[in-house]
Amino acid sequence: QVQLVESGGGLVQAGGSLRLSCAASESIFSMYTMGWYRQAPGKQRELVAALTSGGGPHYADSVKGRFIIARDNAKNTVYLQMNSLKPEDTAVYYCKAERLAYGYYYWGRGTQVTVSS
């Protein structure tokens, strides 16, 4: 079973930056779509950014131009660089590894991001 561990969350002022990391327990990027999701209190979990094994990145409209998803295959780690943070970006951020062709996936436990105004 694939283990995903997120890190890098914290408290930051509006306009600041954070970089989240998601370390996978094994080399999976060639077969899995990697995604970052977030869930704010009282809201549903939503996709923030995704990176397919062979394609380009996909971003939610709310983060386009501010967030960048990238991966380091050698480190089995996917990153989410978050710039120009806004209070509405406050949420728990989760990493997901999904094998689309087979319909299964794994979640990390999440990391809290809090943006103060």
N, C-alpha and C. Protein backbone atom coordinates (compact mmCIF):
# COMPACT_ATOMS: atom_id res chain seq x y z
N GLN A 1 0.83 -1.19 0.00
CA GLN A 1 0.00 0.00 0.00
C GLN A 1 0.88 1.24 0.00
N VAL A 2 0.52 2.20 -0.81
CA VAL A 2 1.29 3.43 -0.92
C VAL A 2 1.00 4.33 0.27
N GLN A 3 2.05 4.85 0.86
CA GLN A 3 1.92 5.82 1.95
C GLN A 3 2.29 7.20 1.41
N LEU A 4 1.48 8.18 1.77
CA LEU A 4 1.74 9.56 1.38
C LEU A 4 1.85 10.41 2.64
N VAL A 5 2.88 11.21 2.73
CA VAL A 5 3.09 12.06 3.90
C VAL A 5 3.29 13.50 3.44
N GLU A 6 2.36 14.35 3.86
CA GLU A 6 2.46 15.77 3.53
C GLU A 6 3.23 16.53 4.60
N SER A 7 3.84 17.61 4.18
CA SER A 7 4.53 18.50 5.12
C SER A 7 4.59 19.88 4.50
N GLY A 8 4.97 20.87 5.32
CA GLY A 8 5.17 22.21 4.80
C GLY A 8 4.08 23.21 5.12
N GLY A 9 3.00 22.74 5.74
CA GLY A 9 1.94 23.67 6.09
C GLY A 9 2.36 24.59 7.23
N GLY A 10 1.50 25.56 7.51
CA GLY A 10 1.80 26.48 8.58
C GLY A 10 0.95 27.72 8.50
N LEU A 11 1.36 28.71 9.27
CA LEU A 11 0.66 29.99 9.33
C LEU A 11 1.47 31.02 8.55
N VAL A 12 0.81 31.73 7.67
CA VAL A 12 1.48 32.74 6.85
C VAL A 12 0.55 33.92 6.65
N GLN A 13 1.13 35.09 6.48
CA GLN A 13 0.31 36.27 6.23
C GLN A 13 -0.13 36.31 4.77
N ALA A 14 -1.23 36.99 4.52
CA ALA A 14 -1.71 37.16 3.16
C ALA A 14 -0.61 37.77 2.30
N GLY A 15 -0.48 37.24 1.09
CA GLY A 15 0.57 37.68 0.19
C GLY A 15 1.84 36.85 0.29
N GLY A 16 1.93 36.03 1.29
CA GLY A 16 3.11 35.21 1.50
C GLY A 16 3.08 33.93 0.68
N SER A 17 4.09 33.10 0.93
CA SER A 17 4.25 31.85 0.17
C SER A 17 4.51 30.69 1.12
N LEU A 18 4.14 29.51 0.66
CA LEU A 18 4.46 28.25 1.32
C LEU A 18 4.70 27.21 0.25
N ARG A 19 5.53 26.24 0.59
CA ARG A 19 5.70 25.09 -0.31
C ARG A 19 5.35 23.82 0.44
N LEU A 20 4.36 23.13 -0.06
CA LEU A 20 3.95 21.85 0.51
C LEU A 20 4.68 20.72 -0.21
N SER A 21 4.97 19.68 0.55
CA SER A 21 5.61 18.49 0.00
C SER A 21 4.76 17.27 0.30
N CYS A 22 4.76 16.34 -0.61
CA CYS A 22 4.08 15.06 -0.43
C CYS A 22 5.06 13.97 -0.82
N ALA A 23 5.52 13.23 0.17
CA ALA A 23 6.48 12.17 -0.09
C ALA A 23 5.76 10.83 -0.17
N ALA A 24 6.00 10.12 -1.26
CA ALA A 24 5.41 8.80 -1.45
C ALA A 24 6.38 7.73 -0.99
N SER A 25 5.83 6.64 -0.50
CA SER A 25 6.66 5.55 0.05
C SER A 25 7.35 4.72 -1.01
N GLU A 26 6.94 4.90 -2.26
CA GLU A 26 7.55 4.16 -3.35
C GLU A 26 7.43 4.97 -4.64
N SER A 27 8.10 4.50 -5.65
CA SER A 27 8.09 5.20 -6.93
C SER A 27 6.79 4.90 -7.67
N ILE A 28 5.93 5.92 -7.77
CA ILE A 28 4.61 5.70 -8.35
C ILE A 28 4.25 6.68 -9.45
N PHE A 29 5.07 7.69 -9.65
CA PHE A 29 4.65 8.78 -10.52
C PHE A 29 4.43 8.35 -11.96
N SER A 30 5.06 7.29 -12.37
CA SER A 30 4.88 6.85 -13.76
C SER A 30 3.51 6.21 -13.99
N MET A 31 2.82 5.86 -12.93
CA MET A 31 1.53 5.17 -13.07
C MET A 31 0.36 5.93 -12.45
N TYR A 32 0.66 6.90 -11.59
CA TYR A 32 -0.39 7.57 -10.84
C TYR A 32 -0.50 9.04 -11.22
N THR A 33 -1.71 9.52 -11.16
CA THR A 33 -1.95 10.95 -11.18
C THR A 33 -1.82 11.46 -9.75
N MET A 34 -1.02 12.49 -9.57
CA MET A 34 -0.82 13.07 -8.25
C MET A 34 -1.61 14.36 -8.14
N GLY A 35 -2.31 14.52 -7.05
CA GLY A 35 -3.12 15.71 -6.89
C GLY A 35 -3.03 16.30 -5.51
N TRP A 36 -3.23 17.59 -5.44
CA TRP A 36 -3.39 18.30 -4.18
C TRP A 36 -4.85 18.75 -4.08
N TYR A 37 -5.44 18.46 -2.94
CA TYR A 37 -6.80 18.86 -2.65
C TYR A 37 -6.77 19.67 -1.36
N ARG A 38 -7.86 20.38 -1.12
CA ARG A 38 -7.97 21.10 0.15
C ARG A 38 -9.41 21.05 0.64
N GLN A 39 -9.51 21.17 1.95
CA GLN A 39 -10.84 21.19 2.57
C GLN A 39 -10.85 22.23 3.67
N ALA A 40 -11.69 23.23 3.47
CA ALA A 40 -11.88 24.27 4.47
C ALA A 40 -13.01 23.86 5.39
N PRO A 41 -13.06 24.40 6.60
CA PRO A 41 -14.13 24.05 7.54
C PRO A 41 -15.51 24.29 6.94
N GLY A 42 -16.36 23.29 7.02
CA GLY A 42 -17.71 23.41 6.52
C GLY A 42 -17.86 23.31 5.02
N LYS A 43 -16.77 23.02 4.33
CA LYS A 43 -16.81 22.92 2.88
C LYS A 43 -16.37 21.54 2.41
N GLN A 44 -16.72 21.24 1.18
CA GLN A 44 -16.30 19.96 0.60
C GLN A 44 -14.83 20.03 0.17
N ARG A 45 -14.24 18.88 0.12
CA ARG A 45 -12.87 18.80 -0.37
C ARG A 45 -12.88 19.11 -1.86
N GLU A 46 -11.90 19.91 -2.28
CA GLU A 46 -11.85 20.33 -3.67
C GLU A 46 -10.45 20.14 -4.24
N LEU A 47 -10.42 19.91 -5.54
CA LEU A 47 -9.15 19.76 -6.22
C LEU A 47 -8.48 21.12 -6.37
N VAL A 48 -7.20 21.18 -6.05
CA VAL A 48 -6.43 22.40 -6.21
C VAL A 48 -5.55 22.30 -7.45
N ALA A 49 -4.81 21.20 -7.55
CA ALA A 49 -3.90 21.03 -8.67
C ALA A 49 -3.63 19.54 -8.85
N ALA A 50 -3.38 19.14 -10.09
CA ALA A 50 -3.09 17.74 -10.38
C ALA A 50 -2.03 17.64 -11.44
N LEU A 51 -1.31 16.52 -11.40
CA LEU A 51 -0.23 16.28 -12.35
C LEU A 51 -0.33 14.83 -12.79
N THR A 52 -0.61 14.61 -14.07
CA THR A 52 -0.72 13.24 -14.56
C THR A 52 0.66 12.67 -14.82
N SER A 53 0.70 11.37 -15.02
CA SER A 53 2.00 10.71 -15.21
C SER A 53 2.67 11.14 -16.50
N GLY A 54 1.89 11.49 -17.49
CA GLY A 54 2.50 11.85 -18.76
C GLY A 54 2.07 13.18 -19.32
N GLY A 55 1.17 13.86 -18.63
CA GLY A 55 0.67 15.10 -19.15
C GLY A 55 1.06 16.30 -18.33
N GLY A 56 0.44 17.40 -18.69
CA GLY A 56 0.75 18.65 -18.01
C GLY A 56 -0.06 18.83 -16.75
N PRO A 57 0.17 19.92 -16.05
CA PRO A 57 -0.55 20.19 -14.82
C PRO A 57 -1.96 20.73 -15.08
N HIS A 58 -2.79 20.54 -14.08
CA HIS A 58 -4.14 21.10 -14.12
C HIS A 58 -4.35 21.85 -12.82
N TYR A 59 -4.97 23.05 -12.93
CA TYR A 59 -5.19 23.88 -11.75
C TYR A 59 -6.65 24.29 -11.64
N ALA A 60 -7.11 24.42 -10.41
CA ALA A 60 -8.40 25.03 -10.17
C ALA A 60 -8.31 26.51 -10.56
N ASP A 61 -9.39 27.06 -11.03
CA ASP A 61 -9.38 28.46 -11.45
C ASP A 61 -8.95 29.39 -10.32
N SER A 62 -9.30 29.03 -9.10
CA SER A 62 -9.02 29.90 -7.96
C SER A 62 -7.54 30.02 -7.64
N VAL A 63 -6.72 29.12 -8.17
CA VAL A 63 -5.29 29.16 -7.84
C VAL A 63 -4.41 29.35 -9.06
N LYS A 64 -4.99 29.41 -10.23
CA LYS A 64 -4.19 29.60 -11.45
C LYS A 64 -3.38 30.87 -11.37
N GLY A 65 -2.12 30.76 -11.75
CA GLY A 65 -1.22 31.90 -11.71
C GLY A 65 -0.59 32.12 -10.35
N ARG A 66 -1.04 31.40 -9.32
CA ARG A 66 -0.47 31.56 -7.98
C ARG A 66 0.21 30.29 -7.48
N PHE A 67 -0.35 29.14 -7.82
CA PHE A 67 0.16 27.86 -7.34
C PHE A 67 0.85 27.11 -8.48
N ILE A 68 1.85 26.33 -8.11
CA ILE A 68 2.55 25.49 -9.08
C ILE A 68 2.73 24.10 -8.50
N ILE A 69 2.31 23.09 -9.26
CA ILE A 69 2.53 21.70 -8.85
C ILE A 69 3.71 21.15 -9.64
N ALA A 70 4.56 20.42 -8.95
CA ALA A 70 5.74 19.86 -9.60
C ALA A 70 6.14 18.59 -8.86
N ARG A 71 6.95 17.77 -9.49
CA ARG A 71 7.37 16.54 -8.82
C ARG A 71 8.86 16.32 -9.05
N ASP A 72 9.43 15.60 -8.10
CA ASP A 72 10.83 15.17 -8.19
C ASP A 72 10.81 13.65 -8.18
N ASN A 73 11.00 13.06 -9.33
CA ASN A 73 10.91 11.60 -9.44
C ASN A 73 11.96 10.90 -8.59
N ALA A 74 13.13 11.49 -8.50
CA ALA A 74 14.21 10.86 -7.74
C ALA A 74 13.88 10.78 -6.26
N LYS A 75 13.09 11.74 -5.79
CA LYS A 75 12.74 11.79 -4.37
C LYS A 75 11.34 11.26 -4.09
N ASN A 76 10.64 10.82 -5.12
CA ASN A 76 9.25 10.35 -4.96
C ASN A 76 8.41 11.39 -4.24
N THR A 77 8.60 12.64 -4.60
CA THR A 77 7.95 13.74 -3.90
C THR A 77 7.27 14.67 -4.89
N VAL A 78 6.07 15.06 -4.56
CA VAL A 78 5.36 16.07 -5.34
C VAL A 78 5.19 17.31 -4.47
N TYR A 79 5.31 18.46 -5.08
CA TYR A 79 5.29 19.73 -4.37
C TYR A 79 4.11 20.58 -4.81
N LEU A 80 3.72 21.47 -3.94
CA LEU A 80 2.77 22.51 -4.30
C LEU A 80 3.35 23.83 -3.80
N GLN A 81 3.85 24.62 -4.73
CA GLN A 81 4.34 25.95 -4.41
C GLN A 81 3.17 26.91 -4.43
N MET A 82 2.92 27.55 -3.31
CA MET A 82 1.77 28.44 -3.17
C MET A 82 2.26 29.86 -2.95
N ASN A 83 1.96 30.73 -3.88
CA ASN A 83 2.37 32.13 -3.82
C ASN A 83 1.15 33.03 -3.72
N SER A 84 1.39 34.26 -3.31
CA SER A 84 0.31 35.25 -3.20
C SER A 84 -0.88 34.67 -2.45
N LEU A 85 -0.61 34.09 -1.32
CA LEU A 85 -1.67 33.41 -0.57
C LEU A 85 -2.72 34.39 -0.07
N LYS A 86 -3.94 33.89 -0.03
CA LYS A 86 -5.08 34.67 0.41
C LYS A 86 -5.74 33.99 1.60
N PRO A 87 -6.46 34.72 2.43
CA PRO A 87 -7.16 34.08 3.56
C PRO A 87 -8.07 32.95 3.11
N GLU A 88 -8.65 33.06 1.95
CA GLU A 88 -9.54 32.00 1.45
C GLU A 88 -8.80 30.73 1.04
N ASP A 89 -7.49 30.77 1.05
CA ASP A 89 -6.70 29.56 0.80
C ASP A 89 -6.55 28.72 2.07
N THR A 90 -7.00 29.25 3.19
CA THR A 90 -6.92 28.52 4.45
C THR A 90 -7.71 27.22 4.38
N ALA A 91 -7.03 26.12 4.67
CA ALA A 91 -7.66 24.80 4.59
C ALA A 91 -6.65 23.75 5.02
N VAL A 92 -7.14 22.53 5.16
CA VAL A 92 -6.24 21.38 5.26
C VAL A 92 -5.97 20.91 3.84
N TYR A 93 -4.72 20.77 3.51
CA TYR A 93 -4.30 20.36 2.18
C TYR A 93 -3.91 18.89 2.19
N TYR A 94 -4.47 18.14 1.25
CA TYR A 94 -4.25 16.70 1.16
C TYR A 94 -3.60 16.34 -0.16
N CYS A 95 -2.76 15.35 -0.10
CA CYS A 95 -2.15 14.79 -1.28
C CYS A 95 -2.89 13.50 -1.64
N LYS A 96 -3.08 13.28 -2.93
CA LYS A 96 -3.77 12.08 -3.40
C LYS A 96 -3.00 11.47 -4.55
N ALA A 97 -2.86 10.18 -4.52
CA ALA A 97 -2.27 9.43 -5.62
C ALA A 97 -3.36 8.54 -6.19
N GLU A 98 -3.65 8.69 -7.47
CA GLU A 98 -4.78 7.98 -8.07
C GLU A 98 -4.32 7.25 -9.32
N ARG A 99 -4.70 6.00 -9.37
CA ARG A 99 -4.43 5.22 -10.57
C ARG A 99 -5.73 5.16 -11.37
N LEU A 100 -5.88 6.08 -12.28
CA LEU A 100 -7.15 6.30 -12.96
C LEU A 100 -7.65 5.06 -13.69
N ALA A 101 -6.75 4.34 -14.33
CA ALA A 101 -7.17 3.20 -15.15
C ALA A 101 -7.75 2.07 -14.32
N TYR A 102 -7.43 2.04 -13.03
CA TYR A 102 -7.88 0.94 -12.18
C TYR A 102 -8.85 1.39 -11.10
N GLY A 103 -9.01 2.69 -10.98
CA GLY A 103 -10.01 3.21 -10.06
C GLY A 103 -9.68 3.14 -8.59
N TYR A 104 -8.39 3.10 -8.25
CA TYR A 104 -8.07 3.16 -6.83
C TYR A 104 -7.11 4.29 -6.56
N TYR A 105 -7.05 4.65 -5.27
CA TYR A 105 -6.29 5.84 -4.91
C TYR A 105 -5.89 5.76 -3.45
N TYR A 106 -4.99 6.65 -3.09
CA TYR A 106 -4.50 6.79 -1.71
C TYR A 106 -4.48 8.26 -1.33
N TRP A 107 -4.75 8.50 -0.04
CA TRP A 107 -4.72 9.85 0.50
C TRP A 107 -3.64 9.96 1.56
N GLY A 108 -3.07 11.16 1.67
CA GLY A 108 -2.26 11.48 2.82
C GLY A 108 -3.16 11.97 3.94
N ARG A 109 -2.54 12.29 5.07
CA ARG A 109 -3.32 12.71 6.23
C ARG A 109 -3.59 14.21 6.24
N GLY A 110 -2.91 14.94 5.42
CA GLY A 110 -3.17 16.37 5.32
C GLY A 110 -2.22 17.23 6.13
N THR A 111 -2.14 18.47 5.71
CA THR A 111 -1.34 19.47 6.41
C THR A 111 -2.11 20.78 6.42
N GLN A 112 -2.13 21.44 7.57
CA GLN A 112 -2.93 22.65 7.73
C GLN A 112 -2.20 23.87 7.17
N VAL A 113 -2.92 24.64 6.39
CA VAL A 113 -2.43 25.93 5.90
C VAL A 113 -3.39 27.00 6.39
N THR A 114 -2.85 27.98 7.08
CA THR A 114 -3.66 29.08 7.58
C THR A 114 -3.06 30.39 7.08
N VAL A 115 -3.88 31.18 6.43
CA VAL A 115 -3.45 32.46 5.89
C VAL A 115 -4.18 33.56 6.64
N SER A 116 -3.41 34.40 7.30
CA SER A 116 -4.01 35.49 8.08
C SER A 116 -4.10 36.75 7.23
N SER A 117 -5.11 37.55 7.53
CA SER A 117 -5.32 38.78 6.74
C SER A 117 -4.59 39.96 7.36
